[in-house]
N, C-alpha and C. Protein backbone atom coordinates (compact mmCIF):
# COMPACT_ATOMS: atom_id res chain seq x y z
N UNK A 1 68.48 -5.01 9.93
CA UNK A 1 67.11 -5.14 10.35
C UNK A 1 66.40 -3.78 10.31
N UNK A 2 67.12 -2.74 10.80
CA UNK A 2 66.55 -1.40 10.77
C UNK A 2 66.20 -0.99 9.34
N UNK A 3 67.08 -1.34 8.40
CA UNK A 3 66.87 -0.98 7.00
C UNK A 3 65.62 -1.67 6.44
N UNK A 4 65.43 -2.95 6.78
CA UNK A 4 64.26 -3.71 6.33
C UNK A 4 62.98 -3.09 6.89
N UNK A 5 62.97 -2.75 8.17
CA UNK A 5 61.79 -2.14 8.78
C UNK A 5 61.51 -0.78 8.16
N UNK A 6 62.55 -0.02 7.87
CA UNK A 6 62.37 1.29 7.25
C UNK A 6 61.77 1.14 5.85
N UNK A 7 62.24 0.16 5.09
CA UNK A 7 61.71 -0.08 3.74
C UNK A 7 60.26 -0.54 3.81
N UNK A 8 59.95 -1.44 4.71
CA UNK A 8 58.59 -1.96 4.85
C UNK A 8 57.61 -0.87 5.29
N UNK A 9 58.06 0.08 6.07
CA UNK A 9 57.16 1.15 6.52
C UNK A 9 56.78 2.08 5.37
N UNK A 10 57.57 2.13 4.30
CA UNK A 10 57.26 2.98 3.14
C UNK A 10 56.26 2.33 2.21
N UNK A 11 56.11 1.01 2.26
CA UNK A 11 55.22 0.30 1.33
C UNK A 11 53.77 0.77 1.43
N UNK A 12 53.17 0.88 2.62
CA UNK A 12 51.77 1.35 2.66
C UNK A 12 51.58 2.75 2.07
N UNK A 13 52.56 3.62 2.28
CA UNK A 13 52.46 4.98 1.74
C UNK A 13 52.49 4.93 0.21
N UNK A 14 53.38 4.13 -0.35
CA UNK A 14 53.49 4.01 -1.80
C UNK A 14 52.22 3.40 -2.39
N UNK A 15 51.68 2.36 -1.76
CA UNK A 15 50.45 1.73 -2.25
C UNK A 15 49.28 2.69 -2.18
N UNK A 16 49.18 3.46 -1.12
CA UNK A 16 48.10 4.44 -1.00
C UNK A 16 48.20 5.48 -2.09
N UNK A 17 49.40 5.94 -2.38
CA UNK A 17 49.59 6.94 -3.43
C UNK A 17 49.20 6.37 -4.78
N UNK A 18 49.53 5.10 -5.04
CA UNK A 18 49.16 4.48 -6.32
C UNK A 18 47.65 4.40 -6.47
N UNK A 19 46.95 4.06 -5.39
CA UNK A 19 45.49 3.95 -5.46
C UNK A 19 44.86 5.32 -5.68
N UNK A 20 45.34 6.32 -4.99
CA UNK A 20 44.78 7.67 -5.11
C UNK A 20 45.05 8.26 -6.48
N UNK A 21 46.24 8.05 -7.03
CA UNK A 21 46.63 8.67 -8.28
C UNK A 21 46.24 7.87 -9.52
N UNK A 22 45.84 6.61 -9.35
CA UNK A 22 45.51 5.78 -10.51
C UNK A 22 44.24 6.29 -11.18
N UNK A 23 44.25 6.41 -12.51
CA UNK A 23 43.04 6.88 -13.19
C UNK A 23 41.97 5.81 -13.19
N UNK A 24 40.74 6.25 -13.23
CA UNK A 24 39.61 5.31 -13.26
C UNK A 24 39.55 4.65 -14.63
N UNK A 25 39.42 3.31 -14.64
CA UNK A 25 39.40 2.56 -15.91
C UNK A 25 37.99 2.38 -16.44
N UNK A 26 36.98 2.62 -15.64
CA UNK A 26 35.63 2.36 -16.10
C UNK A 26 34.95 3.64 -16.60
N UNK A 27 34.27 3.50 -17.71
CA UNK A 27 33.51 4.63 -18.25
C UNK A 27 32.12 4.62 -17.65
N UNK A 28 31.48 5.77 -17.65
CA UNK A 28 30.14 5.85 -17.11
C UNK A 28 29.13 5.23 -18.06
N UNK A 29 28.12 4.58 -17.50
CA UNK A 29 27.05 4.00 -18.29
C UNK A 29 25.75 4.71 -17.93
N UNK A 30 25.10 5.25 -18.93
CA UNK A 30 23.83 5.94 -18.74
C UNK A 30 22.70 4.98 -19.07
N UNK A 31 21.72 4.87 -18.20
CA UNK A 31 20.53 4.08 -18.45
C UNK A 31 19.57 4.93 -19.27
N UNK A 32 18.96 4.32 -20.29
CA UNK A 32 18.03 5.09 -21.12
C UNK A 32 16.63 4.50 -21.03
N UNK A 33 15.73 5.30 -20.48
CA UNK A 33 14.29 5.06 -20.49
C UNK A 33 13.69 6.37 -20.97
N UNK A 34 13.07 6.36 -22.14
CA UNK A 34 12.57 7.63 -22.67
C UNK A 34 13.42 8.08 -23.83
N UNK A 35 13.85 9.35 -23.81
CA UNK A 35 14.57 9.91 -24.95
C UNK A 35 15.83 10.64 -24.49
N UNK A 36 16.85 10.56 -25.37
CA UNK A 36 18.09 11.31 -25.18
C UNK A 36 18.38 11.99 -26.51
N UNK A 37 18.68 13.27 -26.46
CA UNK A 37 18.93 14.05 -27.67
C UNK A 37 20.39 14.15 -28.01
N UNK A 38 20.76 15.28 -28.59
CA UNK A 38 22.10 15.52 -29.13
C UNK A 38 23.09 15.88 -28.03
N UNK A 39 23.52 14.88 -27.28
CA UNK A 39 24.54 15.04 -26.26
C UNK A 39 25.60 13.97 -26.48
N UNK A 40 26.75 14.12 -25.82
CA UNK A 40 27.81 13.13 -25.89
C UNK A 40 27.89 12.40 -24.57
N UNK A 41 27.86 11.07 -24.63
CA UNK A 41 27.90 10.22 -23.45
C UNK A 41 28.97 9.15 -23.63
N UNK A 42 29.28 8.44 -22.55
CA UNK A 42 30.21 7.32 -22.67
C UNK A 42 29.49 6.11 -23.23
N UNK A 43 28.83 5.32 -22.38
CA UNK A 43 28.08 4.13 -22.78
C UNK A 43 26.62 4.32 -22.44
N UNK A 44 25.73 3.69 -23.23
CA UNK A 44 24.30 3.74 -22.93
C UNK A 44 23.78 2.32 -22.88
N UNK A 45 22.93 2.05 -21.90
CA UNK A 45 22.26 0.75 -21.76
C UNK A 45 20.76 0.97 -21.68
N UNK A 46 20.02 0.24 -22.52
CA UNK A 46 18.56 0.25 -22.44
C UNK A 46 18.18 -0.93 -21.55
N UNK A 47 17.64 -0.69 -20.37
CA UNK A 47 17.34 -1.78 -19.43
C UNK A 47 16.27 -2.74 -19.97
N UNK A 48 16.24 -3.92 -19.41
CA UNK A 48 15.23 -4.92 -19.78
C UNK A 48 13.84 -4.30 -19.77
N UNK A 49 13.10 -4.50 -20.86
CA UNK A 49 11.72 -4.05 -20.96
C UNK A 49 11.52 -2.57 -21.20
N UNK A 50 12.58 -1.78 -21.23
CA UNK A 50 12.46 -0.33 -21.39
C UNK A 50 12.37 0.05 -22.87
N UNK A 51 11.94 1.29 -23.11
CA UNK A 51 11.91 1.87 -24.45
C UNK A 51 12.80 3.10 -24.44
N UNK A 52 13.68 3.21 -25.45
CA UNK A 52 14.63 4.31 -25.53
C UNK A 52 14.67 4.85 -26.95
N UNK A 53 14.69 6.18 -27.07
CA UNK A 53 14.89 6.85 -28.35
C UNK A 53 16.12 7.72 -28.24
N UNK A 54 17.08 7.51 -29.14
CA UNK A 54 18.27 8.35 -29.23
C UNK A 54 18.18 9.13 -30.53
N UNK A 55 18.37 10.44 -30.47
CA UNK A 55 18.28 11.28 -31.66
C UNK A 55 19.47 12.23 -31.68
N UNK A 56 20.46 11.95 -32.56
CA UNK A 56 21.64 12.79 -32.66
C UNK A 56 22.63 12.60 -31.54
N UNK A 57 22.51 11.54 -30.78
CA UNK A 57 23.37 11.27 -29.64
C UNK A 57 24.72 10.73 -30.09
N UNK A 58 25.79 11.13 -29.42
CA UNK A 58 27.14 10.61 -29.68
C UNK A 58 27.58 9.78 -28.48
N UNK A 59 28.11 8.59 -28.75
CA UNK A 59 28.59 7.72 -27.69
C UNK A 59 30.08 7.45 -27.88
N UNK A 60 30.86 7.70 -26.84
CA UNK A 60 32.28 7.42 -26.88
C UNK A 60 32.54 5.93 -26.67
N UNK A 61 31.52 5.20 -26.22
CA UNK A 61 31.65 3.77 -25.97
C UNK A 61 30.64 2.99 -26.78
N UNK A 62 29.91 2.10 -26.09
CA UNK A 62 28.98 1.18 -26.75
C UNK A 62 27.55 1.40 -26.29
N UNK A 63 26.64 0.79 -27.03
CA UNK A 63 25.21 0.85 -26.77
C UNK A 63 24.72 -0.59 -26.62
N UNK A 64 24.12 -0.90 -25.47
CA UNK A 64 23.58 -2.24 -25.24
C UNK A 64 22.08 -2.16 -24.98
N UNK A 65 21.37 -3.18 -25.47
CA UNK A 65 19.91 -3.21 -25.36
C UNK A 65 19.53 -4.46 -24.59
N UNK A 66 18.75 -4.30 -23.52
CA UNK A 66 18.37 -5.42 -22.66
C UNK A 66 17.24 -6.27 -23.24
N UNK A 67 16.93 -7.33 -22.54
CA UNK A 67 15.88 -8.27 -22.93
C UNK A 67 14.51 -7.58 -22.94
N UNK A 68 13.77 -7.79 -24.03
CA UNK A 68 12.44 -7.20 -24.14
C UNK A 68 12.44 -5.70 -24.32
N UNK A 69 13.59 -5.10 -24.57
CA UNK A 69 13.70 -3.64 -24.70
C UNK A 69 13.53 -3.20 -26.15
N UNK A 70 13.15 -1.94 -26.32
CA UNK A 70 12.97 -1.34 -27.65
C UNK A 70 13.88 -0.14 -27.77
N UNK A 71 14.61 -0.06 -28.89
CA UNK A 71 15.50 1.06 -29.16
C UNK A 71 15.19 1.64 -30.53
N UNK A 72 15.10 2.96 -30.60
CA UNK A 72 15.09 3.68 -31.87
C UNK A 72 16.26 4.65 -31.79
N UNK A 73 17.23 4.48 -32.72
CA UNK A 73 18.41 5.33 -32.76
C UNK A 73 18.49 5.98 -34.13
N UNK A 74 18.40 7.32 -34.16
CA UNK A 74 18.43 8.05 -35.43
C UNK A 74 19.57 9.06 -35.40
N UNK A 75 20.40 9.01 -36.43
CA UNK A 75 21.53 9.94 -36.57
C UNK A 75 22.44 9.93 -35.34
N UNK A 76 22.75 8.73 -34.86
CA UNK A 76 23.65 8.60 -33.72
C UNK A 76 25.06 8.26 -34.20
N UNK A 77 26.03 8.53 -33.35
CA UNK A 77 27.41 8.15 -33.61
C UNK A 77 27.87 7.32 -32.42
N UNK A 78 28.26 6.08 -32.70
CA UNK A 78 28.70 5.16 -31.66
C UNK A 78 30.13 4.73 -31.98
N UNK A 79 31.07 5.06 -31.12
CA UNK A 79 32.47 4.68 -31.35
C UNK A 79 32.62 3.16 -31.23
N UNK A 80 31.91 2.54 -30.30
CA UNK A 80 32.00 1.10 -30.06
C UNK A 80 30.96 0.33 -30.82
N UNK A 81 30.31 -0.62 -30.14
CA UNK A 81 29.34 -1.54 -30.73
C UNK A 81 27.91 -1.21 -30.31
N UNK A 82 26.97 -1.74 -31.09
CA UNK A 82 25.56 -1.79 -30.69
C UNK A 82 25.26 -3.28 -30.53
N UNK A 83 24.84 -3.68 -29.32
CA UNK A 83 24.67 -5.10 -29.02
C UNK A 83 23.37 -5.37 -28.27
N UNK A 84 22.74 -6.49 -28.64
CA UNK A 84 21.56 -6.92 -27.91
C UNK A 84 21.45 -8.42 -27.93
N UNK A 85 20.94 -8.95 -26.86
CA UNK A 85 20.55 -10.35 -26.79
C UNK A 85 19.16 -10.38 -26.15
N UNK A 86 18.13 -10.63 -26.98
CA UNK A 86 16.78 -10.73 -26.46
C UNK A 86 15.94 -9.46 -26.59
N UNK A 87 16.32 -8.55 -27.46
CA UNK A 87 15.57 -7.31 -27.66
C UNK A 87 14.15 -7.58 -28.18
N UNK A 88 13.27 -6.62 -27.98
CA UNK A 88 11.93 -6.67 -28.57
C UNK A 88 11.97 -6.09 -29.99
N UNK A 89 12.55 -4.87 -30.13
CA UNK A 89 12.64 -4.20 -31.41
C UNK A 89 13.83 -3.24 -31.38
N UNK A 90 14.65 -3.28 -32.44
CA UNK A 90 15.78 -2.36 -32.57
C UNK A 90 15.70 -1.70 -33.94
N UNK A 91 15.71 -0.36 -33.94
CA UNK A 91 15.76 0.43 -35.19
C UNK A 91 16.98 1.33 -35.12
N UNK A 92 17.83 1.23 -36.16
CA UNK A 92 19.01 2.09 -36.25
C UNK A 92 19.01 2.70 -37.64
N UNK A 93 18.90 4.04 -37.72
CA UNK A 93 18.79 4.75 -38.99
C UNK A 93 19.87 5.83 -39.10
N UNK A 94 20.41 6.00 -40.30
CA UNK A 94 21.26 7.16 -40.63
C UNK A 94 22.36 7.40 -39.59
N UNK A 95 22.99 6.33 -39.14
CA UNK A 95 23.95 6.43 -38.04
C UNK A 95 25.33 5.92 -38.45
N UNK A 96 26.31 6.21 -37.59
CA UNK A 96 27.69 5.74 -37.80
C UNK A 96 28.09 4.89 -36.59
N UNK A 97 28.59 3.69 -36.88
CA UNK A 97 29.00 2.77 -35.82
C UNK A 97 30.45 2.39 -36.05
N UNK A 98 31.31 2.72 -35.09
CA UNK A 98 32.74 2.43 -35.22
C UNK A 98 33.06 0.95 -35.10
N UNK A 99 32.25 0.22 -34.36
CA UNK A 99 32.44 -1.22 -34.18
C UNK A 99 31.43 -2.00 -35.00
N UNK A 100 30.74 -2.93 -34.36
CA UNK A 100 29.79 -3.81 -35.02
C UNK A 100 28.38 -3.62 -34.47
N UNK A 101 27.40 -4.11 -35.23
CA UNK A 101 26.02 -4.22 -34.76
C UNK A 101 25.74 -5.70 -34.61
N UNK A 102 25.40 -6.13 -33.39
CA UNK A 102 25.16 -7.54 -33.11
C UNK A 102 23.81 -7.69 -32.41
N UNK A 103 22.85 -8.28 -33.13
CA UNK A 103 21.49 -8.43 -32.61
C UNK A 103 21.14 -9.91 -32.62
N UNK A 104 20.96 -10.49 -31.42
CA UNK A 104 20.77 -11.92 -31.30
C UNK A 104 19.57 -12.28 -30.42
N UNK A 105 18.92 -13.36 -30.79
CA UNK A 105 17.86 -14.01 -30.00
C UNK A 105 16.78 -13.04 -29.56
N UNK A 106 16.42 -12.13 -30.45
CA UNK A 106 15.40 -11.15 -30.11
C UNK A 106 14.26 -11.14 -31.10
N UNK A 107 13.72 -9.95 -31.31
CA UNK A 107 12.56 -9.78 -32.16
C UNK A 107 12.90 -9.05 -33.44
N UNK A 108 12.11 -8.01 -33.75
CA UNK A 108 12.26 -7.29 -34.99
C UNK A 108 13.43 -6.33 -34.99
N UNK A 109 13.85 -5.97 -36.21
CA UNK A 109 14.93 -5.00 -36.34
C UNK A 109 14.82 -4.30 -37.68
N UNK A 110 15.28 -3.08 -37.71
CA UNK A 110 15.30 -2.28 -38.92
C UNK A 110 16.62 -1.50 -38.90
N UNK A 111 17.55 -1.89 -39.77
CA UNK A 111 18.87 -1.30 -39.84
C UNK A 111 19.00 -0.68 -41.23
N UNK A 112 18.94 0.67 -41.31
CA UNK A 112 18.88 1.38 -42.60
C UNK A 112 19.86 2.54 -42.69
N UNK A 113 20.51 2.65 -43.83
CA UNK A 113 21.33 3.81 -44.19
C UNK A 113 22.41 4.15 -43.16
N UNK A 114 23.07 3.13 -42.66
CA UNK A 114 24.12 3.33 -41.67
C UNK A 114 25.49 3.07 -42.27
N UNK A 115 26.51 3.61 -41.63
CA UNK A 115 27.89 3.28 -41.94
C UNK A 115 28.43 2.51 -40.74
N UNK A 116 28.85 1.27 -40.98
CA UNK A 116 29.31 0.38 -39.91
C UNK A 116 30.74 -0.04 -40.23
N UNK A 117 31.69 0.30 -39.37
CA UNK A 117 33.08 -0.05 -39.62
C UNK A 117 33.37 -1.53 -39.40
N UNK A 118 32.58 -2.19 -38.58
CA UNK A 118 32.77 -3.61 -38.30
C UNK A 118 31.77 -4.46 -39.06
N UNK A 119 31.22 -5.47 -38.39
CA UNK A 119 30.25 -6.41 -38.96
C UNK A 119 28.83 -6.04 -38.56
N UNK A 120 27.87 -6.54 -39.33
CA UNK A 120 26.48 -6.58 -38.90
C UNK A 120 26.13 -8.05 -38.78
N UNK A 121 25.76 -8.46 -37.56
CA UNK A 121 25.45 -9.85 -37.27
C UNK A 121 24.05 -9.95 -36.69
N UNK A 122 23.21 -10.73 -37.37
CA UNK A 122 21.81 -10.90 -36.99
C UNK A 122 21.56 -12.40 -36.87
N UNK A 123 21.49 -12.90 -35.63
CA UNK A 123 21.42 -14.35 -35.39
C UNK A 123 20.23 -14.72 -34.50
N UNK A 124 19.47 -15.71 -34.93
CA UNK A 124 18.44 -16.37 -34.12
C UNK A 124 17.37 -15.43 -33.58
N UNK A 125 16.95 -14.48 -34.38
CA UNK A 125 15.85 -13.58 -34.01
C UNK A 125 14.56 -14.20 -34.55
N UNK A 126 13.57 -14.37 -33.69
CA UNK A 126 12.41 -15.18 -34.06
C UNK A 126 11.08 -14.43 -34.10
N UNK A 127 11.06 -13.16 -33.80
CA UNK A 127 9.80 -12.41 -33.84
C UNK A 127 9.99 -11.17 -34.70
N UNK A 128 8.96 -10.80 -35.41
CA UNK A 128 8.98 -9.53 -36.13
C UNK A 128 9.78 -9.54 -37.42
N UNK A 129 9.61 -8.46 -38.16
CA UNK A 129 10.31 -8.27 -39.43
C UNK A 129 11.74 -7.84 -39.17
N UNK A 130 12.63 -8.33 -40.00
CA UNK A 130 14.04 -7.96 -39.91
C UNK A 130 14.45 -7.34 -41.23
N UNK A 131 14.68 -6.03 -41.25
CA UNK A 131 15.01 -5.30 -42.47
C UNK A 131 16.42 -4.75 -42.37
N UNK A 132 17.22 -5.03 -43.41
CA UNK A 132 18.59 -4.52 -43.47
C UNK A 132 18.76 -3.90 -44.86
N UNK A 133 18.77 -2.57 -44.94
CA UNK A 133 18.69 -1.86 -46.21
C UNK A 133 19.68 -0.70 -46.31
N UNK A 134 20.37 -0.62 -47.44
CA UNK A 134 21.20 0.52 -47.84
C UNK A 134 22.24 0.94 -46.80
N UNK A 135 22.93 -0.03 -46.23
CA UNK A 135 24.00 0.23 -45.29
C UNK A 135 25.35 0.09 -45.98
N UNK A 136 26.37 0.79 -45.47
CA UNK A 136 27.74 0.54 -45.89
C UNK A 136 28.43 -0.15 -44.72
N UNK A 137 28.81 -1.40 -44.95
CA UNK A 137 29.37 -2.25 -43.90
C UNK A 137 30.79 -2.62 -44.31
N UNK A 138 31.78 -2.18 -43.55
CA UNK A 138 33.17 -2.47 -43.90
C UNK A 138 33.53 -3.93 -43.65
N UNK A 139 32.90 -4.56 -42.69
CA UNK A 139 33.16 -5.97 -42.37
C UNK A 139 32.20 -6.89 -43.11
N UNK A 140 31.66 -7.87 -42.40
CA UNK A 140 30.74 -8.86 -42.97
C UNK A 140 29.30 -8.55 -42.59
N UNK A 141 28.39 -9.02 -43.45
CA UNK A 141 26.96 -9.00 -43.16
C UNK A 141 26.56 -10.46 -42.97
N UNK A 142 26.28 -10.84 -41.73
CA UNK A 142 26.05 -12.24 -41.38
C UNK A 142 24.68 -12.41 -40.75
N UNK A 143 23.87 -13.30 -41.34
CA UNK A 143 22.53 -13.57 -40.83
C UNK A 143 22.32 -15.08 -40.80
N UNK A 144 21.89 -15.58 -39.65
CA UNK A 144 21.72 -17.02 -39.52
C UNK A 144 20.60 -17.34 -38.53
N UNK A 145 19.77 -18.31 -38.90
CA UNK A 145 18.73 -18.87 -38.02
C UNK A 145 17.67 -17.86 -37.59
N UNK A 146 17.38 -16.88 -38.43
CA UNK A 146 16.32 -15.91 -38.14
C UNK A 146 15.02 -16.41 -38.76
N UNK A 147 13.91 -16.19 -38.06
CA UNK A 147 12.61 -16.61 -38.56
C UNK A 147 11.59 -15.51 -38.26
N UNK A 148 11.08 -14.81 -39.29
CA UNK A 148 11.40 -14.98 -40.71
C UNK A 148 12.79 -14.44 -41.04
N UNK A 149 13.29 -14.83 -42.21
CA UNK A 149 14.61 -14.38 -42.67
C UNK A 149 14.59 -12.87 -42.92
N UNK A 150 15.74 -12.22 -42.78
CA UNK A 150 15.82 -10.78 -43.05
C UNK A 150 15.50 -10.45 -44.50
N UNK A 151 14.97 -9.22 -44.70
CA UNK A 151 14.68 -8.69 -46.03
C UNK A 151 15.43 -7.39 -46.19
N UNK A 152 15.48 -6.89 -47.43
CA UNK A 152 16.12 -5.62 -47.69
C UNK A 152 16.98 -5.70 -48.92
N UNK A 153 17.99 -4.87 -48.99
CA UNK A 153 18.90 -4.86 -50.12
C UNK A 153 19.66 -3.56 -50.20
N UNK A 154 20.50 -3.44 -51.23
CA UNK A 154 21.26 -2.23 -51.45
C UNK A 154 22.38 -2.01 -50.46
N UNK A 155 22.81 -3.06 -49.77
CA UNK A 155 23.89 -2.95 -48.80
C UNK A 155 25.24 -3.08 -49.52
N UNK A 156 26.17 -2.21 -49.20
CA UNK A 156 27.53 -2.28 -49.73
C UNK A 156 28.39 -2.89 -48.62
N UNK A 157 28.95 -4.07 -48.90
CA UNK A 157 29.64 -4.84 -47.87
C UNK A 157 31.10 -5.05 -48.28
N UNK A 158 32.03 -4.64 -47.43
CA UNK A 158 33.45 -4.81 -47.71
C UNK A 158 33.92 -6.24 -47.56
N UNK A 159 33.29 -6.98 -46.66
CA UNK A 159 33.64 -8.38 -46.44
C UNK A 159 32.71 -9.29 -47.23
N UNK A 160 32.06 -10.22 -46.52
CA UNK A 160 31.17 -11.19 -47.15
C UNK A 160 29.73 -10.98 -46.71
N UNK A 161 28.81 -11.29 -47.62
CA UNK A 161 27.38 -11.41 -47.28
C UNK A 161 27.15 -12.90 -47.10
N UNK A 162 26.68 -13.28 -45.90
CA UNK A 162 26.62 -14.70 -45.59
C UNK A 162 25.23 -15.18 -45.21
N UNK A 163 25.01 -16.48 -45.50
CA UNK A 163 23.81 -17.22 -45.12
C UNK A 163 22.54 -16.48 -45.56
N UNK A 164 21.64 -16.16 -44.64
CA UNK A 164 20.37 -15.53 -44.98
C UNK A 164 20.54 -14.14 -45.58
N UNK A 165 21.69 -13.53 -45.43
CA UNK A 165 21.91 -12.17 -45.96
C UNK A 165 22.73 -12.16 -47.25
N UNK A 166 22.98 -13.29 -47.84
CA UNK A 166 23.86 -13.33 -49.02
C UNK A 166 23.30 -12.56 -50.21
N UNK A 167 21.98 -12.36 -50.26
CA UNK A 167 21.37 -11.63 -51.38
C UNK A 167 21.00 -10.18 -51.04
N UNK A 168 21.29 -9.76 -49.83
CA UNK A 168 20.90 -8.41 -49.40
C UNK A 168 21.98 -7.39 -49.73
């Protein structure tokens, strides 16, 4: 019995040490309203309705764009993805994306001269012009249910060009 009580008394100390010594699993997320220049950050989120300009910014994580938000990203490096559901306008120029670009159920977009290691997916965007021009996409270029349909060309795609983007 003494041995059991002695063992049980060590459990809280061990659990406390595990909590104190455990590394943090979450990366920091920076909110962008306005402009961010040539700095390195973890993740960036453009809040609903906000406008954000990134110029030369490096992200160790991902970039997300909120509903009704506008993003202009020039010469950025994103290790993760660029994602939006419900954006007003997204422009990505001369940038490198380690993951995918996924723009859904939003407005206009202009994706030009980028290197994308994953896919570019443009689905169900119903406002504004959608231009996809001169990108190198290692995955697929997929466009579906956009009104008006995307325009552009000169994209080099390692996977497939599908649906509305099959001729781009």
